C-alpha atoms as a PDB file:
ATOM      1  CA  MET A   1       0.305   0.411  -0.066  1.00  0.00           C
ATOM      2  CA  ALA A   2       1.549   3.343  -0.896  1.00  0.00           C
ATOM      3  CA  ASP A   3       2.068   5.696   1.884  1.00  0.00           C
ATOM      4  CA  SER A   4      -0.850   8.573   1.170  1.00  0.00           C
ATOM      5  CA  THR A   5      -2.903   5.427   0.885  1.00  0.00           C
ATOM      6  CA  ARG A   6      -2.290   4.439   4.190  1.00  0.00           C
ATOM      7  CA  SER A   7      -1.947   7.777   5.360  1.00  0.00           C
ATOM      8  CA  MET A   8      -5.209   8.234   3.816  1.00  0.00           C
ATOM      9  CA  ARG A   9      -7.261   5.312   5.295  1.00  0.00           C
ATOM     10  CA  LYS A  10      -5.554   6.223   9.599  1.00  0.00           C
ATOM     11  CA  SER A  11      -7.553   9.798   8.888  1.00  0.00           C
ATOM     12  CA  ILE A  12     -10.209   8.190   8.149  1.00  0.00           C
ATOM     13  CA  VAL A  13     -10.029   5.346  10.898  1.00  0.00           C
ATOM     14  CA  GLU A  14      -9.493   8.246  13.375  1.00  0.00           C
ATOM     15  CA  ARG A  15     -12.261  11.277  11.626  1.00  0.00           C
ATOM     16  CA  ASP A  16     -15.278   8.333  10.932  1.00  0.00           C
ATOM     17  CA  ILE A  17     -14.739   5.112  12.195  1.00  0.00           C
ATOM     18  CA  LEU A  18     -13.043   5.144  15.831  1.00  0.00           C
ATOM     19  CA  PRO A  19     -15.972   8.157  16.843  1.00  0.00           C
ATOM     20  CA  ALA A  20     -18.267   5.748  15.829  1.00  0.00           C
ATOM     21  CA  PHE A  21     -17.543   2.181  16.593  1.00  0.00           C
ATOM     22  CA  LYS A  22     -15.072   2.564  20.041  1.00  0.00           C
ATOM     23  CA  ASN A  23     -16.720   1.454  22.316  1.00  0.00           C
ATOM     24  CA  ARG A  24     -18.399  -1.546  21.066  1.00  0.00           C
ATOM     25  CA  LEU A  25     -17.312  -5.177  20.682  1.00  0.00           C
ATOM     26  CA  LEU A  26     -16.611  -6.261  16.984  1.00  0.00           C
ATOM     27  CA  THR A  27     -19.999  -8.793  17.579  1.00  0.00           C
ATOM     28  CA  GLU A  28     -22.170  -5.700  18.498  1.00  0.00           C
ATOM     29  CA  ILE A  29     -22.070  -3.333  15.668  1.00  0.00           C
ATOM     30  CA  GLY A  30     -23.817  -5.237  12.487  1.00  0.00           C
ATOM     31  CA  ALA A  31     -24.969  -3.934   9.240  1.00  0.00           C
ATOM     32  CA  ASP A  32     -27.496  -1.517   9.955  1.00  0.00           C
ATOM     33  CA  ASP A  33     -24.827   0.118  11.821  1.00  0.00           C
ATOM     34  CA  LEU A  34     -22.270   0.045   9.541  1.00  0.00           C
ATOM     35  CA  ARG A  35     -24.950   1.175   7.210  1.00  0.00           C
ATOM     36  CA  ALA A  36     -25.737   3.943   8.715  1.00  0.00           C
ATOM     37  CA  LEU A  37     -22.732   5.399   9.368  1.00  0.00           C
ATOM     38  CA  CYS A  38     -21.813   5.569   5.365  1.00  0.00           C
ATOM     39  CA  ASN A  39     -25.221   7.017   4.700  1.00  0.00           C
ATOM     40  CA  LYS A  40     -24.161   9.739   7.691  1.00  0.00           C
ATOM     41  CA  VAL A  41     -20.743  10.616   5.716  1.00  0.00           C
ATOM     42  CA  LYS A  42     -21.936  10.264   2.175  1.00  0.00           C
ATOM     43  CA  ALA A  43     -24.876  12.954   3.507  1.00  0.00           C
ATOM     44  CA  ARG A  44     -21.764  15.851   4.173  1.00  0.00           C
ATOM     45  CA  GLY A  45     -20.854  15.077   0.985  1.00  0.00           C
ATOM     46  CA  ALA A  46     -18.286  12.342   1.123  1.00  0.00           C
ATOM     47  CA  PRO A  47     -19.612   9.401  -0.490  1.00  0.00           C
ATOM     48  CA  ALA A  48     -16.187   7.869  -1.901  1.00  0.00           C
ATOM     49  CA  THR A  49     -15.401   8.478   1.768  1.00  0.00           C
ATOM     50  CA  ALA A  50     -18.479   6.585   2.788  1.00  0.00           C
ATOM     51  CA  VAL A  51     -16.587   3.363   0.179  1.00  0.00           C
ATOM     52  CA  HIS A  52     -13.603   3.763   1.893  1.00  0.00           C
ATOM     53  CA  ILE A  53     -15.113   3.451   5.813  1.00  0.00           C
ATOM     54  CA  ARG A  54     -16.259   0.233   4.463  1.00  0.00           C
ATOM     55  CA  ASP A  55     -13.974  -1.306   2.314  1.00  0.00           C
ATOM     56  CA  ILE A  56     -12.106  -0.732   5.896  1.00  0.00           C
ATOM     57  CA  VAL A  57     -14.222  -2.056   7.929  1.00  0.00           C
ATOM     58  CA  ARG A  58     -14.451  -5.073   6.249  1.00  0.00           C
ATOM     59  CA  GLN A  59     -10.651  -6.400   6.156  1.00  0.00           C
ATOM     60  CA  VAL A  60     -10.833  -5.445   9.951  1.00  0.00           C
ATOM     61  CA  TYR A  61     -13.440  -8.077  10.247  1.00  0.00           C
ATOM     62  CA  ALA A  62     -11.712 -10.576   7.637  1.00  0.00           C
ATOM     63  CA  PHE A  63      -8.461  -9.613   9.761  1.00  0.00           C
ATOM     64  CA  ALA A  64     -10.327 -11.471  12.836  1.00  0.00           C
ATOM     65  CA  ILE A  65     -11.624 -13.957  11.232  1.00  0.00           C
ATOM     66  CA  LEU A  66      -8.520 -15.411   9.671  1.00  0.00           C
ATOM     67  CA  HIS A  67      -7.432 -15.098  13.542  1.00  0.00           C
ATOM     68  CA  GLY A  68     -10.257 -17.380  15.134  1.00  0.00           C
ATOM     69  CA  GLU A  69     -12.985 -14.919  15.751  1.00  0.00           C
ATOM     70  CA  LYS A  70     -15.908 -15.680  15.427  1.00  0.00           C
ATOM     71  CA  VAL A  71     -18.077 -12.758  14.062  1.00  0.00           C
ATOM     72  CA  ALA A  72     -20.101 -12.067  11.407  1.00  0.00           C
ATOM     73  CA  ASN A  73     -19.057  -9.426   8.776  1.00  0.00           C
ATOM     74  CA  PRO A  74     -21.223  -6.466   8.477  1.00  0.00           C
ATOM     75  CA  ALA A  75     -19.325  -5.323   5.437  1.00  0.00           C
ATOM     76  CA  ASP A  76     -20.909  -8.604   3.643  1.00  0.00           C
ATOM     77  CA  ASP A  77     -24.657  -6.942   3.643  1.00  0.00           C
ATOM     78  CA  VAL A  78     -23.421  -3.531   2.568  1.00  0.00           C
ATOM     79  CA  GLY A  79     -22.184  -3.546  -1.147  1.00  0.00           C
ATOM     80  CA  ALA A  80     -20.117  -0.606  -2.065  1.00  0.00           C
ATOM     81  CA  ALA A  81     -22.774  -0.204  -4.811  1.00  0.00           C
ATOM     82  CA  SER A  82     -25.696   0.676  -2.756  1.00  0.00           C
ATOM     83  CA  ILE A  83     -23.269   3.598  -0.984  1.00  0.00           C
ATOM     84  CA  ALA A  84     -21.562   5.070  -4.140  1.00  0.00           C
ATOM     85  CA  THR A  85     -21.482   4.717  -7.832  1.00  0.00           C
ATOM     86  CA  PHE A  86     -19.040   6.376  -9.721  1.00  0.00           C
ATOM     87  CA  VAL A  87     -18.505   7.560 -13.586  1.00  0.00           C
ATOM     88  CA  PRO A  88     -15.580   6.290 -14.975  1.00  0.00           C
ATOM     89  CA  LYS A  89     -11.835   8.396 -14.614  1.00  0.00           C
ATOM     90  CA  ASP A  90     -12.313   9.377 -18.634  1.00  0.00           C
ATOM     91  CA  ARG A  91     -14.118  12.896 -18.589  1.00  0.00           C
ATOM     92  CA  ALA A  92     -12.368  15.210 -20.573  1.00  0.00           C
ATOM     93  CA  LEU A  93     -13.949  18.563 -21.520  1.00  0.00           C
ATOM     94  CA  SER A  94     -14.458  20.461 -24.294  1.00  0.00           C
ATOM     95  CA  PRO A  95     -13.492  23.873 -26.106  1.00  0.00           C
ATOM     96  CA  ALA A  96     -16.500  24.736 -25.306  1.00  0.00           C
ATOM     97  CA  GLU A  97     -17.156  23.548 -22.031  1.00  0.00           C
ATOM     98  CA  ILE A  98     -13.591  25.155 -21.255  1.00  0.00           C
ATOM     99  CA  ARG A  99     -15.209  28.401 -22.598  1.00  0.00           C
ATOM    100  CA  LEU A 100     -17.716  27.685 -19.246  1.00  0.00           C
ATOM    101  CA  MET A 101     -15.754  26.917 -16.813  1.00  0.00           C
ATOM    102  CA  TYR A 102     -13.846  30.337 -17.207  1.00  0.00           C
ATOM    103  CA  ARG A 103     -17.247  32.298 -17.651  1.00  0.00           C
ATOM    104  CA  GLN A 104     -18.582  30.085 -14.443  1.00  0.00           C
ATOM    105  CA  MET A 105     -15.507  30.828 -12.061  1.00  0.00           C
ATOM    106  CA  GLU A 106     -15.712  34.472 -12.316  1.00  0.00           C
ATOM    107  CA  SER A 107     -19.473  34.363 -10.518  1.00  0.00           C
ATOM    108  CA  VAL A 108     -18.730  32.300  -8.391  1.00  0.00           C
ATOM    109  CA  ALA A 109     -17.824  33.744  -4.608  1.00  0.00           C
ATOM    110  CA  THR A 110     -14.554  32.810  -3.572  1.00  0.00           C
ATOM    111  CA  TYR A 111     -11.103  33.542  -3.643  1.00  0.00           C
ATOM    112  CA  PRO A 112      -9.105  35.198  -6.807  1.00  0.00           C
ATOM    113  CA  THR A 113      -6.516  32.625  -6.090  1.00  0.00           C
ATOM    114  CA  ILE A 114      -7.829  29.668  -6.498  1.00  0.00           C
ATOM    115  CA  ARG A 115      -9.066  30.803  -9.822  1.00  0.00           C
ATOM    116  CA  LEU A 116      -5.855  31.274 -11.219  1.00  0.00           C
ATOM    117  CA  ALA A 117      -5.111  28.135  -9.325  1.00  0.00           C
ATOM    118  CA  LEU A 118      -7.947  25.797 -11.868  1.00  0.00           C
ATOM    119  CA  ARG A 119      -6.641  27.967 -14.533  1.00  0.00           C
ATOM    120  CA  LEU A 120      -2.668  26.864 -13.933  1.00  0.00           C
ATOM    121  CA  ILE A 121      -3.604  23.153 -13.401  1.00  0.00           C
ATOM    122  CA  VAL A 122      -5.963  23.807 -17.531  1.00  0.00           C
ATOM    123  CA  LEU A 123      -2.833  25.371 -18.755  1.00  0.00           C
ATOM    124  CA  THR A 124       0.255  23.813 -16.603  1.00  0.00           C
ATOM    125  CA  LEU A 125      -1.363  19.898 -16.632  1.00  0.00           C
ATOM    126  CA  VAL A 126       0.247  19.082 -13.362  1.00  0.00           C
ATOM    127  CA  ARG A 127      -1.905  17.166 -10.960  1.00  0.00           C
ATOM    128  CA  LYS A 128      -3.428  18.725  -7.939  1.00  0.00           C
ATOM    129  CA  SER A 129      -1.045  17.604  -5.551  1.00  0.00           C
ATOM    130  CA  GLU A 130       1.902  18.730  -7.803  1.00  0.00           C
ATOM    131  CA  LEU A 131       0.063  22.873  -7.642  1.00  0.00           C
ATOM    132  CA  ILE A 132      -1.166  22.619  -3.643  1.00  0.00           C
ATOM    133  CA  GLU A 133       2.104  22.058  -1.661  1.00  0.00           C
ATOM    134  CA  ALA A 134       4.710  24.176  -4.366  1.00  0.00           C
ATOM    135  CA  THR A 135       6.703  26.385  -2.940  1.00  0.00           C
ATOM    136  CA  TRP A 136       8.370  29.325  -4.610  1.00  0.00           C
ATOM    137  CA  ASP A 137      11.953  27.747  -4.539  1.00  0.00           C
ATOM    138  CA  GLU A 138      10.147  25.771  -6.598  1.00  0.00           C
ATOM    139  CA  VAL A 139       9.919  28.053  -9.689  1.00  0.00           C
ATOM    140  CA  ASP A 140      12.196  30.166 -11.503  1.00  0.00           C
ATOM    141  CA  PHE A 141      10.888  33.423 -13.069  1.00  0.00           C
ATOM    142  CA  GLU A 142      13.602  34.056 -15.537  1.00  0.00           C
ATOM    143  CA  ARG A 143      13.731  30.627 -16.490  1.00  0.00           C
ATOM    144  CA  ALA A 144      10.429  30.085 -17.314  1.00  0.00           C
ATOM    145  CA  LEU A 145      10.410  27.379 -15.563  1.00  0.00           C
ATOM    146  CA  TRP A 146       9.172  25.725 -12.810  1.00  0.00           C
ATOM    147  CA  THR A 147      10.714  21.974 -10.933  1.00  0.00           C
ATOM    148  CA  ILE A 148       8.569  19.945  -9.122  1.00  0.00           C
ATOM    149  CA  PRO A 149      11.061  18.082  -6.655  1.00  0.00           C
ATOM    150  CA  LYS A 150      11.340  14.184  -6.989  1.00  0.00           C
ATOM    151  CA  HIS A 151       9.781  13.829  -3.670  1.00  0.00           C
ATOM    152  CA  ARG A 152       6.565  15.326  -4.339  1.00  0.00           C
ATOM    153  CA  MET A 153       6.308  13.624  -7.631  1.00  0.00           C
ATOM    154  CA  LYS A 154       4.360  10.044  -8.187  1.00  0.00           C
ATOM    155  CA  GLY A 155       6.745   8.596 -10.849  1.00  0.00           C
ATOM    156  CA  ARG A 156       9.779   9.884  -7.622  1.00  0.00           C
ATOM    157  CA  ASN A 157      11.381  11.862 -10.629  1.00  0.00           C
ATOM    158  CA  PRO A 158      12.012  15.595 -10.411  1.00  0.00           C
ATOM    159  CA  HIS A 159       9.344  17.069 -13.477  1.00  0.00           C
ATOM    160  CA  ASN A 160      10.388  19.973 -15.317  1.00  0.00           C
ATOM    161  CA  VAL A 161       6.914  22.468 -15.862  1.00  0.00           C
ATOM    162  CA  TYR A 162       7.963  24.997 -18.848  1.00  0.00           C
ATOM    163  CA  LEU A 163       6.009  28.065 -17.842  1.00  0.00           C
ATOM    164  CA  SER A 164       4.256  29.354 -20.932  1.00  0.00           C
ATOM    165  CA  ARG A 165       3.501  33.524 -20.666  1.00  0.00           C
ATOM    166  CA  GLN A 166      -0.121  33.258 -19.758  1.00  0.00           C
ATOM    167  CA  VAL A 167       1.670  30.990 -16.496  1.00  0.00           C
ATOM    168  CA  LEU A 168       4.171  33.685 -15.706  1.00  0.00           C
ATOM    169  CA  ASP A 169       1.520  35.894 -15.249  1.00  0.00           C
ATOM    170  CA  ILE A 170      -0.179  33.740 -13.118  1.00  0.00           C
ATOM    171  CA  PHE A 171       2.368  32.593 -11.116  1.00  0.00           C
ATOM    172  CA  VAL A 172       3.374  36.710 -10.225  1.00  0.00           C
ATOM    173  CA  ALA A 173      -0.095  37.151  -9.334  1.00  0.00           C
ATOM    174  CA  LEU A 174      -0.090  34.643  -6.426  1.00  0.00           C
ATOM    175  CA  HIS A 175       3.466  35.896  -5.495  1.00  0.00           C
ATOM    176  CA  THR A 176       1.621  38.697  -5.186  1.00  0.00           C
ATOM    177  CA  CYS A 177      -0.720  37.299  -3.240  1.00  0.00           C
ATOM    178  CA  ALA A 178       0.687  35.067  -1.234  1.00  0.00           C
ATOM    179  CA  ALA A 179       2.019  37.707   0.769  1.00  0.00           C
ATOM    180  CA  GLY A 180       5.637  36.418   2.043  1.00  0.00           C
ATOM    181  CA  SER A 181       4.070  32.778   2.297  1.00  0.00           C
ATOM    182  CA  LYS A 182       6.796  29.714   1.299  1.00  0.00           C
ATOM    183  CA  PHE A 183       4.072  27.910  -0.764  1.00  0.00           C
ATOM    184  CA  VAL A 184       2.600  29.120  -3.819  1.00  0.00           C
ATOM    185  CA  LEU A 185      -0.606  28.717  -2.867  1.00  0.00           C
ATOM    186  CA  PRO A 186      -0.650  29.257   0.703  1.00  0.00           C
ATOM    187  CA  SER A 187      -3.494  28.051   3.412  1.00  0.00           C
ATOM    188  CA  ARG A 188      -6.242  31.039   4.720  1.00  0.00           C
ATOM    189  CA  TYR A 189      -5.374  30.200   8.230  1.00  0.00           C
ATOM    190  CA  ASP A 190      -1.972  29.954   8.338  1.00  0.00           C
ATOM    191  CA  ALA A 191       0.182  31.099   5.719  1.00  0.00           C
ATOM    192  CA  ASP A 192       2.413  28.340   7.032  1.00  0.00           C
ATOM    193  CA  ARG A 193       0.896  25.608   5.364  1.00  0.00           C
ATOM    194  CA  CYS A 194      -0.526  24.989   1.739  1.00  0.00           C
ATOM    195  CA  MET A 195      -4.675  25.145   1.175  1.00  0.00           C
ATOM    196  CA  SER A 196      -6.701  21.810   1.789  1.00  0.00           C
ATOM    197  CA  HIS A 197      -6.985  19.521  -0.921  1.00  0.00           C
ATOM    198  CA  ALA A 198     -10.547  19.768  -0.802  1.00  0.00           C
ATOM    199  CA  THR A 199     -10.340  23.458  -1.286  1.00  0.00           C
ATOM    200  CA  LEU A 200     -10.325  22.871  -5.793  1.00  0.00           C
ATOM    201  CA  ASN A 201     -12.636  20.055  -5.909  1.00  0.00           C
ATOM    202  CA  ARG A 202     -15.022  22.164  -3.992  1.00  0.00           C
ATOM    203  CA  VAL A 203     -15.264  24.684  -6.256  1.00  0.00           C
ATOM    204  CA  THR A 204     -15.016  22.947  -9.553  1.00  0.00           C
ATOM    205  CA  GLN A 205     -18.924  21.140  -8.249  1.00  0.00           C
ATOM    206  CA  ILE A 206     -20.016  24.586  -7.018  1.00  0.00           C
ATOM    207  CA  VAL A 207     -18.711  26.005 -11.100  1.00  0.00           C
ATOM    208  CA  SER A 208     -21.005  22.559 -12.352  1.00  0.00           C
ATOM    209  CA  GLU A 209     -23.559  23.331 -10.599  1.00  0.00           C
ATOM    210  CA  ARG A 210     -24.231  26.925 -11.080  1.00  0.00           C
ATOM    211  CA  ALA A 211     -23.748  26.048 -14.842  1.00  0.00           C
ATOM    212  CA  LYS A 212     -26.942  23.418 -14.437  1.00  0.00           C
ATOM    213  CA  ALA A 213     -28.731  25.843 -12.788  1.00  0.00           C
ATOM    214  CA  ALA A 214     -28.671  28.258 -15.687  1.00  0.00           C
ATOM    215  CA  GLY A 215     -29.139  25.707 -18.346  1.00  0.00           C
ATOM    216  CA  LEU A 216     -25.741  25.650 -19.272  1.00  0.00           C
ATOM    217  CA  PRO A 217     -24.039  22.494 -21.295  1.00  0.00           C
ATOM    218  CA  LEU A 218     -21.606  21.819 -17.790  1.00  0.00           C
ATOM    219  CA  GLU A 219     -21.320  17.769 -16.876  1.00  0.00           C
ATOM    220  CA  PRO A 220     -19.562  17.711 -14.139  1.00  0.00           C
ATOM    221  CA  PHE A 221     -16.316  17.791 -13.393  1.00  0.00           C
ATOM    222  CA  THR A 222     -12.913  17.032 -11.317  1.00  0.00           C
ATOM    223  CA  VAL A 223      -9.843  18.761 -10.685  1.00  0.00           C
ATOM    224  CA  HIS A 224      -8.567  15.807 -12.326  1.00  0.00           C
ATOM    225  CA  ASP A 225     -10.624  15.986 -15.065  1.00  0.00           C
ATOM    226  CA  LEU A 226      -9.019  19.301 -16.217  1.00  0.00           C
ATOM    227  CA  ARG A 227      -5.365  17.390 -16.928  1.00  0.00           C
ATOM    228  CA  ARG A 228      -6.773  14.932 -18.698  1.00  0.00           C
ATOM    229  CA  THR A 229      -8.644  18.131 -21.063  1.00  0.00           C
ATOM    230  CA  GLY A 230      -5.081  18.995 -21.557  1.00  0.00           C
ATOM    231  CA  SER A 231      -3.522  15.375 -22.441  1.00  0.00           C
ATOM    232  CA  THR A 232      -6.798  14.757 -24.698  1.00  0.00           C
ATOM    233  CA  LEU A 233      -7.166  18.060 -26.531  1.00  0.00           C
ATOM    234  CA  LEU A 234      -3.514  18.214 -27.176  1.00  0.00           C
ATOM    235  CA  ASN A 235      -4.239  14.379 -28.547  1.00  0.00           C
ATOM    236  CA  GLU A 236      -6.353  15.369 -30.855  1.00  0.00           C
ATOM    237  CA  ILE A 237      -5.226  18.350 -32.017  1.00  0.00           C
ATOM    238  CA  GLY A 238      -2.117  16.420 -33.614  1.00  0.00           C
ATOM    239  CA  PHE A 239       0.868  17.589 -30.734  1.00  0.00           C
ATOM    240  CA  ASN A 240       3.715  14.681 -30.355  1.00  0.00           C
ATOM    241  CA  ARG A 241       2.578  12.079 -27.814  1.00  0.00           C
ATOM    242  CA  ASP A 242       5.674  11.258 -26.299  1.00  0.00           C
ATOM    243  CA  TRP A 243       5.979  15.337 -25.437  1.00  0.00           C
ATOM    244  CA  ILE A 244       2.109  15.166 -23.803  1.00  0.00           C
ATOM    245  CA  GLU A 245       3.287  12.128 -21.889  1.00  0.00           C
ATOM    246  CA  LYS A 246       6.492  13.789 -20.310  1.00  0.00           C
ATOM    247  CA  CYS A 247       4.343  16.944 -19.494  1.00  0.00           C
ATOM    248  CA  LEU A 248       2.017  14.542 -17.392  1.00  0.00           C
ATOM    249  CA  ALA A 249       4.821  13.109 -15.787  1.00  0.00           C
ATOM    250  CA  HIS A 250       4.286   9.437 -17.182  1.00  0.00           C
ATOM    251  CA  GLU A 251       7.243   8.099 -15.800  1.00  0.00           C
ATOM    252  CA  ASP A 252       5.649   5.830 -12.958  1.00  0.00           C
ATOM    253  CA  GLY A 253       6.143   3.027 -14.614  1.00  0.00           C
ATOM    254  CA  ARG A 254       3.097   2.666 -16.268  1.00  0.00           C
ATOM    255  CA  SER A 255       4.174   1.526 -19.724  1.00  0.00           C
ATOM    256  CA  SER A 256       7.222  -0.068 -21.639  1.00  0.00           C
ATOM    257  CA  ARG A 257       7.406   3.904 -23.529  1.00  0.00           C
ATOM    258  CA  SER A 258       7.261   5.900 -20.637  1.00  0.00           C
ATOM    259  CA  ILE A 259       9.938   4.024 -19.261  1.00  0.00           C
ATOM    260  CA  TYR A 260      12.508   3.389 -22.230  1.00  0.00           C
ATOM    261  CA  ASN A 261      11.982   6.942 -23.452  1.00  0.00           C
ATOM    262  CA  LYS A 262      14.350   9.561 -20.995  1.00  0.00           C
ATOM    263  CA  ALA A 263      14.255  12.723 -23.995  1.00  0.00           C
ATOM    264  CA  GLU A 264      13.790  15.098 -21.632  1.00  0.00           C
ATOM    265  CA  TYR A 265      11.865  17.365 -25.215  1.00  0.00           C
ATOM    266  CA  ALA A 266      12.126  21.186 -23.441  1.00  0.00           C
ATOM    267  CA  GLU A 267      11.914  23.259 -26.757  1.00  0.00           C
ATOM    268  CA  GLN A 268       9.079  21.413 -28.380  1.00  0.00           C
ATOM    269  CA  ARG A 269       7.068  21.220 -24.716  1.00  0.00           C
ATOM    270  CA  ARG A 270       7.938  24.517 -23.321  1.00  0.00           C
ATOM    271  CA  HIS A 271       6.509  25.419 -27.111  1.00  0.00           C
ATOM    272  CA  MET A 272       3.933  22.875 -27.624  1.00  0.00           C
ATOM    273  CA  LEU A 273       2.539  24.659 -23.674  1.00  0.00           C
ATOM    274  CA  GLN A 274       2.732  27.762 -25.244  1.00  0.00           C
ATOM    275  CA  GLU A 275       0.044  26.918 -28.686  1.00  0.00           C
ATOM    276  CA  TRP A 276      -1.704  24.994 -25.685  1.00  0.00           C
ATOM    277  CA  ALA A 277      -2.411  28.403 -23.477  1.00  0.00           C
ATOM    278  CA  ASN A 278      -3.045  30.834 -26.810  1.00  0.00           C
ATOM    279  CA  LEU A 279      -5.499  27.910 -27.535  1.00  0.00           C
ATOM    280  CA  VAL A 280      -7.044  28.435 -24.383  1.00  0.00           C
ATOM    281  CA  ASP A 281      -7.043  31.982 -24.254  1.00  0.00           C
ATOM    282  CA  ALA A 282      -8.882  31.766 -27.254  1.00  0.00           C
ATOM    283  CA  TRP A 283     -11.219  30.028 -26.778  1.00  0.00           C
ATOM    284  CA  VAL A 284     -12.144  31.901 -23.081  1.00  0.00           C
ATOM    285  CA  LEU A 285     -12.636  35.067 -25.439  1.00  0.00           C
ATOM    286  CA  GLY A 286     -15.151  32.518 -27.763  1.00  0.00           C
ATOM    287  CA  GLY A 287     -12.248  32.381 -30.819  1.00  0.00           C
ATOM    288  CA  SER A 288      -9.785  30.418 -32.996  1.00  0.00           C
ATOM    289  CA  TYR A 289      -6.781  29.897 -33.025  1.00  0.00           C
ATOM    290  CA  THR A 290      -4.339  27.771 -35.422  1.00  0.00           C
ATOM    291  CA  PRO A 291      -1.541  26.292 -33.202  1.00  0.00           C
ATOM    292  CA  THR A 292       1.711  25.311 -35.274  1.00  0.00           C
ATOM    293  CA  LEU A 293       2.750  22.007 -34.086  1.00  0.00           C
ATOM    294  CA  LEU A 294       6.572  22.203 -34.373  1.00  0.00           C
ATOM    295  CA  PRO A 295       8.851  24.924 -33.379  1.00  0.00           C
ATOM    296  CA  SER A 296       9.872  27.104 -36.028  1.00  0.00           C
ATOM    297  CA  ASN A 297      13.625  26.746 -34.935  1.00  0.00           C
ATOM    298  CA  MET A 298      13.650  22.954 -34.216  1.00  0.00           C
ATOM    299  CA  THR A 299      16.188  20.792 -36.045  1.00  0.00           C
ATOM    300  CA  VAL A 300      16.580  17.540 -36.234  1.00  0.00           C
ATOM    301  CA  PRO A 301      19.860  15.987 -33.984  1.00  0.00           C
ATOM    302  CA  VAL A 302      22.575  14.342 -35.095  1.00  0.00           C
ATOM    303  CA  LEU A 303      23.288  11.521 -33.589  1.00  0.00           C
ATOM    304  CA  SER A 304      27.284  10.168 -34.406  1.00  0.00           C
ATOM    305  CA  ALA A 305      28.970   7.482 -32.765  1.00  0.00           C
ATOM    306  CA  TRP A 306      32.153   8.221 -33.328  1.00  0.00           C
ATOM    307  CA  VAL A 307      33.877  10.465 -30.508  1.00  0.00           C
END
């Protein structure tokens, strides 16, 4: 189990399971009790947490039964699908939806830094945690480069994000708002801590709800869907797949392609992300833009075996 998963599950045990069941014997907790707890958590808008509660309880009882306890597992009668079902993870916004999202964000009562953070996810294709936990010592304004250290990356390799003009402007605005905090997105309540990881998804949920109430064609989406949107549209436009994969930092062992291709594609990625930012700007304004798929100064390198 990954450290992040272990930490998440520990927090669920301490926050939700122990307060409900800590003074009860295993034989005193039935399916109805577990279902009631899951429904309570689901009612506060946390269906994923409710499903994890059911899974953790199931594992606790399975462990006890394996070691000789004569108890029934209450989770056997509480199916995960009865608690919550989730949309398949293949959502990508269309250019029209990107425009609607940007417009709806302006009407949501939230901090400007949160709007800027969501725009950064769209324009840089980074993971939510990579942005939320970012510190200013990672950002080089002169080189237009954001270097995420390996200990913050899913694949455990440092990752370079090449900054478009639009992204540089956003970082300048965020630096002005940070008020001396080391974090790019500090907490509202403690400048020595980063913003809550739940904040951005709460705002995307509000944006979706506002759009639905207004009858606008913007389906629900998450922060991760914004990252997937960039990948999907860049592939559809025709940009080089390897450049896109490098921007996504897909080097976590999911494919042989990512394992064996160690090229950085620095100038190509910088060009592509600038074209992507120009595209998004055009869509938001209701216009169009024809991207250039190759940088004008790109040359084919000559490789030689001679020293």
